[in-house]
């Protein structure tokens, strides 16, 4: 779910809230290393 929102946020052109960036970083980490 989070990656779908991330695609939408890329078109905003403005800075994202810190909490949203924190969740996106967690999402990227989990997507990359979920198998590990």
ModelCIF file with pLDDT and N, C-alpha, C, O atoms, coordinates in Angstrom:
data_MODEL
#
_entry.id   MODEL 
#
_entity.id                         1 
_entity.type                       polymer 
_entity.pdbx_number_of_molecules   1 
#
_entity_poly.entity_id                      1 
_entity_poly.type                           'polypeptide(L)' 
_entity_poly.nstd_linkage                   no 
_entity_poly.nstd_monomer                   no 
_entity_poly.pdbx_seq_one_letter_code       
;(UNK)(UNK)(UNK)(UNK)(UNK)(UNK)(UNK)(UNK)(UNK)(UNK)(UNK)(UNK)(UNK)(UNK)(UNK)(UNK)
(UNK)(UNK)(UNK)(UNK)(UNK)(UNK)(UNK)(UNK)(UNK)(UNK)(UNK)(UNK)(UNK)(UNK)(UNK)(UNK)
(UNK)(UNK)(UNK)(UNK)
;
_entity_poly.pdbx_seq_one_letter_code_can   XXXXXXXXXXXXXXXXXXXXXXXXXXXXXXXXXXXX 
_entity_poly.pdbx_strand_id                 A 
#
loop_
_entity_poly_seq.entity_id 
_entity_poly_seq.num 
_entity_poly_seq.mon_id 
_entity_poly_seq.hetero 
1 1  UNK n 
1 2  UNK n 
1 3  UNK n 
1 4  UNK n 
1 5  UNK n 
1 6  UNK n 
1 7  UNK n 
1 8  UNK n 
1 9  UNK n 
1 10 UNK n 
1 11 UNK n 
1 12 UNK n 
1 13 UNK n 
1 14 UNK n 
1 15 UNK n 
1 16 UNK n 
1 17 UNK n 
1 18 UNK n 
1 19 UNK n 
1 20 UNK n 
1 21 UNK n 
1 22 UNK n 
1 23 UNK n 
1 24 UNK n 
1 25 UNK n 
1 26 UNK n 
1 27 UNK n 
1 28 UNK n 
1 29 UNK n 
1 30 UNK n 
1 31 UNK n 
1 32 UNK n 
1 33 UNK n 
1 34 UNK n 
1 35 UNK n 
1 36 UNK n 
#
_struct_asym.id          A 
_struct_asym.entity_id   1 
#
loop_
_ma_qa_metric.id 
_ma_qa_metric.mode 
_ma_qa_metric.name 
_ma_qa_metric.software_group_id 
_ma_qa_metric.type 
1 global pLDDT . pLDDT 
2 local  pLDDT . pLDDT 
#
_ma_qa_metric_global.metric_id      1 
_ma_qa_metric_global.metric_value   78.58 
_ma_qa_metric_global.model_id       1 
_ma_qa_metric_global.ordinal_id     1 
#
loop_
_ma_qa_metric_local.label_asym_id 
_ma_qa_metric_local.label_comp_id 
_ma_qa_metric_local.label_seq_id 
_ma_qa_metric_local.metric_id 
_ma_qa_metric_local.metric_value 
_ma_qa_metric_local.model_id 
_ma_qa_metric_local.ordinal_id 
A UNK 1  2 79.00 1 1  
A UNK 2  2 79.00 1 2  
A UNK 3  2 79.00 1 3  
A UNK 4  2 78.00 1 4  
A UNK 5  2 76.00 1 5  
A UNK 6  2 73.00 1 6  
A UNK 7  2 73.00 1 7  
A UNK 8  2 74.00 1 8  
A UNK 9  2 72.00 1 9  
A UNK 10 2 68.00 1 10 
A UNK 11 2 67.00 1 11 
A UNK 12 2 64.00 1 12 
A UNK 13 2 60.00 1 13 
A UNK 14 2 61.00 1 14 
A UNK 15 2 69.00 1 15 
A UNK 16 2 73.00 1 16 
A UNK 17 2 78.00 1 17 
A UNK 18 2 82.00 1 18 
A UNK 19 2 83.00 1 19 
A UNK 20 2 81.00 1 20 
A UNK 21 2 83.00 1 21 
A UNK 22 2 86.00 1 22 
A UNK 23 2 84.00 1 23 
A UNK 24 2 84.00 1 24 
A UNK 25 2 86.00 1 25 
A UNK 26 2 85.00 1 26 
A UNK 27 2 84.00 1 27 
A UNK 28 2 85.00 1 28 
A UNK 29 2 87.00 1 29 
A UNK 30 2 83.00 1 30 
A UNK 31 2 82.00 1 31 
A UNK 32 2 85.00 1 32 
A UNK 33 2 86.00 1 33 
A UNK 34 2 83.00 1 34 
A UNK 35 2 87.00 1 35 
A UNK 36 2 90.00 1 36 
#
loop_
_atom_site.group_PDB 
_atom_site.id 
_atom_site.type_symbol 
_atom_site.label_atom_id 
_atom_site.label_alt_id 
_atom_site.label_comp_id 
_atom_site.label_asym_id 
_atom_site.label_entity_id 
_atom_site.label_seq_id 
_atom_site.pdbx_PDB_ins_code 
_atom_site.Cartn_x 
_atom_site.Cartn_y 
_atom_site.Cartn_z 
_atom_site.occupancy 
_atom_site.B_iso_or_equiv 
_atom_site.pdbx_formal_charge 
_atom_site.auth_seq_id 
_atom_site.auth_comp_id 
_atom_site.auth_asym_id 
_atom_site.auth_atom_id 
_atom_site.pdbx_PDB_model_num 
ATOM 1   N N  . UNK A 1 1  ? 0.824  -1.220  0.000  1.00 79.00 ? 1  UNK A N  1 
ATOM 2   C CA . UNK A 1 1  ? 0.000  0.000   0.000  1.00 79.00 ? 1  UNK A CA 1 
ATOM 3   C C  . UNK A 1 1  ? 0.852  1.262   0.000  1.00 79.00 ? 1  UNK A C  1 
ATOM 4   O O  . UNK A 1 1  ? 0.619  2.177   -0.790 1.00 79.00 ? 1  UNK A O  1 
ATOM 5   N N  . UNK A 1 2  ? 1.839  1.307   0.888  1.00 79.00 ? 2  UNK A N  1 
ATOM 6   C CA . UNK A 1 2  ? 2.667  2.513   1.008  1.00 79.00 ? 2  UNK A CA 1 
ATOM 7   C C  . UNK A 1 2  ? 3.357  2.885   -0.304 1.00 79.00 ? 2  UNK A C  1 
ATOM 8   O O  . UNK A 1 2  ? 3.393  4.068   -0.640 1.00 79.00 ? 2  UNK A O  1 
ATOM 9   N N  . UNK A 1 3  ? 3.909  1.926   -1.067 1.00 79.00 ? 3  UNK A N  1 
ATOM 10  C CA . UNK A 1 3  ? 4.534  2.295   -2.352 1.00 79.00 ? 3  UNK A CA 1 
ATOM 11  C C  . UNK A 1 3  ? 3.575  2.995   -3.320 1.00 79.00 ? 3  UNK A C  1 
ATOM 12  O O  . UNK A 1 3  ? 4.004  3.849   -4.097 1.00 79.00 ? 3  UNK A O  1 
ATOM 13  N N  . UNK A 1 4  ? 2.285  2.646   -3.285 1.00 78.00 ? 4  UNK A N  1 
ATOM 14  C CA . UNK A 1 4  ? 1.307  3.311   -4.156 1.00 78.00 ? 4  UNK A CA 1 
ATOM 15  C C  . UNK A 1 4  ? 1.149  4.778   -3.776 1.00 78.00 ? 4  UNK A C  1 
ATOM 16  O O  . UNK A 1 4  ? 1.048  5.653   -4.636 1.00 78.00 ? 4  UNK A O  1 
ATOM 17  N N  . UNK A 1 5  ? 1.132  5.025   -2.476 1.00 76.00 ? 5  UNK A N  1 
ATOM 18  C CA . UNK A 1 5  ? 1.071  6.411   -2.025 1.00 76.00 ? 5  UNK A CA 1 
ATOM 19  C C  . UNK A 1 5  ? 2.362  7.151   -2.380 1.00 76.00 ? 5  UNK A C  1 
ATOM 20  O O  . UNK A 1 5  ? 2.331  8.335   -2.717 1.00 76.00 ? 5  UNK A O  1 
ATOM 21  N N  . UNK A 1 6  ? 3.491  6.451   -2.302 1.00 73.00 ? 6  UNK A N  1 
ATOM 22  C CA . UNK A 1 6  ? 4.777  7.078   -2.615 1.00 73.00 ? 6  UNK A CA 1 
ATOM 23  C C  . UNK A 1 6  ? 4.812  7.560   -4.059 1.00 73.00 ? 6  UNK A C  1 
ATOM 24  O O  . UNK A 1 6  ? 5.354  8.630   -4.335 1.00 73.00 ? 6  UNK A O  1 
ATOM 25  N N  . UNK A 1 7  ? 4.243  6.788   -4.986 1.00 73.00 ? 7  UNK A N  1 
ATOM 26  C CA . UNK A 1 7  ? 4.181  7.195   -6.388 1.00 73.00 ? 7  UNK A CA 1 
ATOM 27  C C  . UNK A 1 7  ? 3.372  8.475   -6.539 1.00 73.00 ? 7  UNK A C  1 
ATOM 28  O O  . UNK A 1 7  ? 3.722  9.349   -7.332 1.00 73.00 ? 7  UNK A O  1 
ATOM 29  N N  . UNK A 1 8  ? 2.298  8.580   -5.781 1.00 74.00 ? 8  UNK A N  1 
ATOM 30  C CA . UNK A 1 8  ? 1.454  9.783   -5.838 1.00 74.00 ? 8  UNK A CA 1 
ATOM 31  C C  . UNK A 1 8  ? 2.193  10.994  -5.277 1.00 74.00 ? 8  UNK A C  1 
ATOM 32  O O  . UNK A 1 8  ? 2.093  12.099  -5.812 1.00 74.00 ? 8  UNK A O  1 
ATOM 33  N N  . UNK A 1 9  ? 2.952  10.768  -4.170 1.00 72.00 ? 9  UNK A N  1 
ATOM 34  C CA . UNK A 1 9  ? 3.631  11.879  -3.513 1.00 72.00 ? 9  UNK A CA 1 
ATOM 35  C C  . UNK A 1 9  ? 4.742  12.474  -4.387 1.00 72.00 ? 9  UNK A C  1 
ATOM 36  O O  . UNK A 1 9  ? 5.072  13.649  -4.227 1.00 72.00 ? 9  UNK A O  1 
ATOM 37  N N  . UNK A 1 10 ? 5.322  11.702  -5.299 1.00 68.00 ? 10 UNK A N  1 
ATOM 38  C CA . UNK A 1 10 ? 6.416  12.193  -6.138 1.00 68.00 ? 10 UNK A CA 1 
ATOM 39  C C  . UNK A 1 10 ? 5.952  13.335  -7.048 1.00 68.00 ? 10 UNK A C  1 
ATOM 40  O O  . UNK A 1 10 ? 6.770  14.154  -7.467 1.00 68.00 ? 10 UNK A O  1 
ATOM 41  N N  . UNK A 1 11 ? 4.677  13.401  -7.354 1.00 67.00 ? 11 UNK A N  1 
ATOM 42  C CA . UNK A 1 11 ? 4.143  14.435  -8.239 1.00 67.00 ? 11 UNK A CA 1 
ATOM 43  C C  . UNK A 1 11 ? 3.750  15.716  -7.496 1.00 67.00 ? 11 UNK A C  1 
ATOM 44  O O  . UNK A 1 11 ? 3.346  16.697  -8.120 1.00 67.00 ? 11 UNK A O  1 
ATOM 45  N N  . UNK A 1 12 ? 3.866  15.707  -6.179 1.00 64.00 ? 12 UNK A N  1 
ATOM 46  C CA . UNK A 1 12 ? 3.454  16.887  -5.414 1.00 64.00 ? 12 UNK A CA 1 
ATOM 47  C C  . UNK A 1 12 ? 4.428  18.045  -5.585 1.00 64.00 ? 12 UNK A C  1 
ATOM 48  O O  . UNK A 1 12 ? 4.026  19.205  -5.673 1.00 64.00 ? 12 UNK A O  1 
ATOM 49  N N  . UNK A 1 13 ? 5.712  17.711  -5.631 1.00 60.00 ? 13 UNK A N  1 
ATOM 50  C CA . UNK A 1 13 ? 6.717  18.755  -5.790 1.00 60.00 ? 13 UNK A CA 1 
ATOM 51  C C  . UNK A 1 13 ? 7.010  19.540  -4.538 1.00 60.00 ? 13 UNK A C  1 
ATOM 52  O O  . UNK A 1 13 ? 7.788  20.493  -4.587 1.00 60.00 ? 13 UNK A O  1 
ATOM 53  N N  . UNK A 1 14 ? 6.413  19.177  -3.406 1.00 61.00 ? 14 UNK A N  1 
ATOM 54  C CA . UNK A 1 14 ? 6.662  19.879  -2.146 1.00 61.00 ? 14 UNK A CA 1 
ATOM 55  C C  . UNK A 1 14 ? 7.251  18.910  -1.131 1.00 61.00 ? 14 UNK A C  1 
ATOM 56  O O  . UNK A 1 14 ? 7.202  17.692  -1.304 1.00 61.00 ? 14 UNK A O  1 
ATOM 57  N N  . UNK A 1 15 ? 7.806  19.480  -0.072 1.00 69.00 ? 15 UNK A N  1 
ATOM 58  C CA . UNK A 1 15 ? 8.415  18.639  0.962  1.00 69.00 ? 15 UNK A CA 1 
ATOM 59  C C  . UNK A 1 15 ? 7.342  17.846  1.709  1.00 69.00 ? 15 UNK A C  1 
ATOM 60  O O  . UNK A 1 15 ? 6.265  18.354  2.019  1.00 69.00 ? 15 UNK A O  1 
ATOM 61  N N  . UNK A 1 16 ? 7.670  16.596  1.983  1.00 73.00 ? 16 UNK A N  1 
ATOM 62  C CA . UNK A 1 16 ? 6.742  15.732  2.703  1.00 73.00 ? 16 UNK A CA 1 
ATOM 63  C C  . UNK A 1 16 ? 6.959  15.877  4.206  1.00 73.00 ? 16 UNK A C  1 
ATOM 64  O O  . UNK A 1 16 ? 8.061  16.206  4.643  1.00 73.00 ? 16 UNK A O  1 
ATOM 65  N N  . UNK A 1 17 ? 5.917  15.633  4.998  1.00 78.00 ? 17 UNK A N  1 
ATOM 66  C CA . UNK A 1 17 ? 6.069  15.681  6.468  1.00 78.00 ? 17 UNK A CA 1 
ATOM 67  C C  . UNK A 1 17 ? 7.099  14.649  6.945  1.00 78.00 ? 17 UNK A C  1 
ATOM 68  O O  . UNK A 1 17 ? 7.317  13.621  6.304  1.00 78.00 ? 17 UNK A O  1 
ATOM 69  N N  . UNK A 1 18 ? 7.716  14.949  8.070  1.00 82.00 ? 18 UNK A N  1 
ATOM 70  C CA . UNK A 1 18 ? 8.762  14.073  8.607  1.00 82.00 ? 18 UNK A CA 1 
ATOM 71  C C  . UNK A 1 18 ? 8.225  12.675  8.915  1.00 82.00 ? 18 UNK A C  1 
ATOM 72  O O  . UNK A 1 18 ? 8.899  11.672  8.677  1.00 82.00 ? 18 UNK A O  1 
ATOM 73  N N  . UNK A 1 19 ? 7.004  12.623  9.448  1.00 83.00 ? 19 UNK A N  1 
ATOM 74  C CA . UNK A 1 19 ? 6.415  11.325  9.794  1.00 83.00 ? 19 UNK A CA 1 
ATOM 75  C C  . UNK A 1 19 ? 6.188  10.475  8.542  1.00 83.00 ? 19 UNK A C  1 
ATOM 76  O O  . UNK A 1 19 ? 6.412  9.265   8.552  1.00 83.00 ? 19 UNK A O  1 
ATOM 77  N N  . UNK A 1 20 ? 5.739  11.127  7.462  1.00 81.00 ? 20 UNK A N  1 
ATOM 78  C CA . UNK A 1 20 ? 5.514  10.409  6.198  1.00 81.00 ? 20 UNK A CA 1 
ATOM 79  C C  . UNK A 1 20 ? 6.836  9.905   5.626  1.00 81.00 ? 20 UNK A C  1 
ATOM 80  O O  . UNK A 1 20 ? 6.917  8.773   5.150  1.00 81.00 ? 20 UNK A O  1 
ATOM 81  N N  . UNK A 1 21 ? 7.886  10.755  5.672  1.00 83.00 ? 21 UNK A N  1 
ATOM 82  C CA . UNK A 1 21 ? 9.203  10.326  5.197  1.00 83.00 ? 21 UNK A CA 1 
ATOM 83  C C  . UNK A 1 21 ? 9.735  9.140   6.004  1.00 83.00 ? 21 UNK A C  1 
ATOM 84  O O  . UNK A 1 21 ? 10.349 8.223   5.458  1.00 83.00 ? 21 UNK A O  1 
ATOM 85  N N  . UNK A 1 22 ? 9.488  9.179   7.311  1.00 86.00 ? 22 UNK A N  1 
ATOM 86  C CA . UNK A 1 22 ? 9.917  8.085   8.181  1.00 86.00 ? 22 UNK A CA 1 
ATOM 87  C C  . UNK A 1 22 ? 9.261  6.766   7.770  1.00 86.00 ? 22 UNK A C  1 
ATOM 88  O O  . UNK A 1 22 ? 9.934  5.739   7.680  1.00 86.00 ? 22 UNK A O  1 
ATOM 89  N N  . UNK A 1 23 ? 7.941  6.793   7.518  1.00 84.00 ? 23 UNK A N  1 
ATOM 90  C CA . UNK A 1 23 ? 7.211  5.592   7.107  1.00 84.00 ? 23 UNK A CA 1 
ATOM 91  C C  . UNK A 1 23 ? 7.672  5.120   5.728  1.00 84.00 ? 23 UNK A C  1 
ATOM 92  O O  . UNK A 1 23 ? 7.791  3.918   5.490  1.00 84.00 ? 23 UNK A O  1 
ATOM 93  N N  . UNK A 1 24 ? 7.933  6.076   4.811  1.00 84.00 ? 24 UNK A N  1 
ATOM 94  C CA . UNK A 1 24 ? 8.407  5.704   3.472  1.00 84.00 ? 24 UNK A CA 1 
ATOM 95  C C  . UNK A 1 24 ? 9.775  5.036   3.526  1.00 84.00 ? 24 UNK A C  1 
ATOM 96  O O  . UNK A 1 24 ? 10.038 4.092   2.782  1.00 84.00 ? 24 UNK A O  1 
ATOM 97  N N  . UNK A 1 25 ? 10.640 5.522   4.400  1.00 86.00 ? 25 UNK A N  1 
ATOM 98  C CA . UNK A 1 25 ? 11.962 4.898   4.557  1.00 86.00 ? 25 UNK A CA 1 
ATOM 99  C C  . UNK A 1 25 ? 11.839 3.465   5.092  1.00 86.00 ? 25 UNK A C  1 
ATOM 100 O O  . UNK A 1 25 ? 12.540 2.559   4.643  1.00 86.00 ? 25 UNK A O  1 
ATOM 101 N N  . UNK A 1 26 ? 10.927 3.283   6.066  1.00 85.00 ? 26 UNK A N  1 
ATOM 102 C CA . UNK A 1 26 ? 10.681 1.929   6.586  1.00 85.00 ? 26 UNK A CA 1 
ATOM 103 C C  . UNK A 1 26 ? 10.156 1.030   5.475  1.00 85.00 ? 26 UNK A C  1 
ATOM 104 O O  . UNK A 1 26 ? 10.574 -0.121  5.349  1.00 85.00 ? 26 UNK A O  1 
ATOM 105 N N  . UNK A 1 27 ? 9.233  1.562   4.666  1.00 84.00 ? 27 UNK A N  1 
ATOM 106 C CA . UNK A 1 27 ? 8.647  0.792   3.567  1.00 84.00 ? 27 UNK A CA 1 
ATOM 107 C C  . UNK A 1 27 ? 9.713  0.380   2.554  1.00 84.00 ? 27 UNK A C  1 
ATOM 108 O O  . UNK A 1 27 ? 9.735  -0.762  2.094  1.00 84.00 ? 27 UNK A O  1 
ATOM 109 N N  . UNK A 1 28 ? 10.591 1.314   2.211  1.00 85.00 ? 28 UNK A N  1 
ATOM 110 C CA . UNK A 1 28 ? 11.669 1.000   1.261  1.00 85.00 ? 28 UNK A CA 1 
ATOM 111 C C  . UNK A 1 28 ? 12.607 -0.079  1.817  1.00 85.00 ? 28 UNK A C  1 
ATOM 112 O O  . UNK A 1 28 ? 13.042 -0.976  1.096  1.00 85.00 ? 28 UNK A O  1 
ATOM 113 N N  . UNK A 1 29 ? 12.901 0.031   3.099  1.00 87.00 ? 29 UNK A N  1 
ATOM 114 C CA . UNK A 1 29 ? 13.779 -0.961  3.734  1.00 87.00 ? 29 UNK A CA 1 
ATOM 115 C C  . UNK A 1 29 ? 13.137 -2.344  3.718  1.00 87.00 ? 29 UNK A C  1 
ATOM 116 O O  . UNK A 1 29 ? 13.785 -3.337  3.388  1.00 87.00 ? 29 UNK A O  1 
ATOM 117 N N  . UNK A 1 30 ? 11.840 -2.396  4.083  1.00 83.00 ? 30 UNK A N  1 
ATOM 118 C CA . UNK A 1 30 ? 11.133 -3.685  4.123  1.00 83.00 ? 30 UNK A CA 1 
ATOM 119 C C  . UNK A 1 30 ? 11.024 -4.282  2.722  1.00 83.00 ? 30 UNK A C  1 
ATOM 120 O O  . UNK A 1 30 ? 11.201 -5.488  2.552  1.00 83.00 ? 30 UNK A O  1 
ATOM 121 N N  . UNK A 1 31 ? 10.733 -3.447  1.710  1.00 82.00 ? 31 UNK A N  1 
ATOM 122 C CA . UNK A 1 31 ? 10.643 -3.955  0.333  1.00 82.00 ? 31 UNK A CA 1 
ATOM 123 C C  . UNK A 1 31 ? 11.975 -4.531  -0.145 1.00 82.00 ? 31 UNK A C  1 
ATOM 124 O O  . UNK A 1 31 ? 12.005 -5.542  -0.847 1.00 82.00 ? 31 UNK A O  1 
ATOM 125 N N  . UNK A 1 32 ? 13.056 -3.891  0.235  1.00 85.00 ? 32 UNK A N  1 
ATOM 126 C CA . UNK A 1 32 ? 14.374 -4.313  -0.236 1.00 85.00 ? 32 UNK A CA 1 
ATOM 127 C C  . UNK A 1 32 ? 14.889 -5.550  0.494  1.00 85.00 ? 32 UNK A C  1 
ATOM 128 O O  . UNK A 1 32 ? 15.547 -6.403  -0.101 1.00 85.00 ? 32 UNK A O  1 
ATOM 129 N N  . UNK A 1 33 ? 14.577 -5.640  1.814  1.00 86.00 ? 33 UNK A N  1 
ATOM 130 C CA . UNK A 1 33 ? 15.174 -6.690  2.638  1.00 86.00 ? 33 UNK A CA 1 
ATOM 131 C C  . UNK A 1 33 ? 14.147 -7.643  3.258  1.00 86.00 ? 33 UNK A C  1 
ATOM 132 O O  . UNK A 1 33 ? 14.469 -8.333  4.225  1.00 86.00 ? 33 UNK A O  1 
ATOM 133 N N  . UNK A 1 34 ? 12.923 -7.699  2.728  1.00 83.00 ? 34 UNK A N  1 
ATOM 134 C CA . UNK A 1 34 ? 11.885 -8.510  3.370  1.00 83.00 ? 34 UNK A CA 1 
ATOM 135 C C  . UNK A 1 34 ? 12.276 -9.986  3.467  1.00 83.00 ? 34 UNK A C  1 
ATOM 136 O O  . UNK A 1 34 ? 11.969 -10.651 4.457  1.00 83.00 ? 34 UNK A O  1 
ATOM 137 N N  . UNK A 1 35 ? 12.953 -10.491 2.439  1.00 87.00 ? 35 UNK A N  1 
ATOM 138 C CA . UNK A 1 35 ? 13.328 -11.906 2.452  1.00 87.00 ? 35 UNK A CA 1 
ATOM 139 C C  . UNK A 1 35 ? 14.364 -12.183 3.540  1.00 87.00 ? 35 UNK A C  1 
ATOM 140 O O  . UNK A 1 35 ? 14.302 -13.202 4.228  1.00 87.00 ? 35 UNK A O  1 
ATOM 141 N N  . UNK A 1 36 ? 15.314 -11.261 3.684  1.00 90.00 ? 36 UNK A N  1 
ATOM 142 C CA . UNK A 1 36 ? 16.335 -11.405 4.730  1.00 90.00 ? 36 UNK A CA 1 
ATOM 143 C C  . UNK A 1 36 ? 15.693 -11.320 6.115  1.00 90.00 ? 36 UNK A C  1 
ATOM 144 O O  . UNK A 1 36 ? 16.390 -11.419 7.125  1.00 90.00 ? 36 UNK A O  1 
#
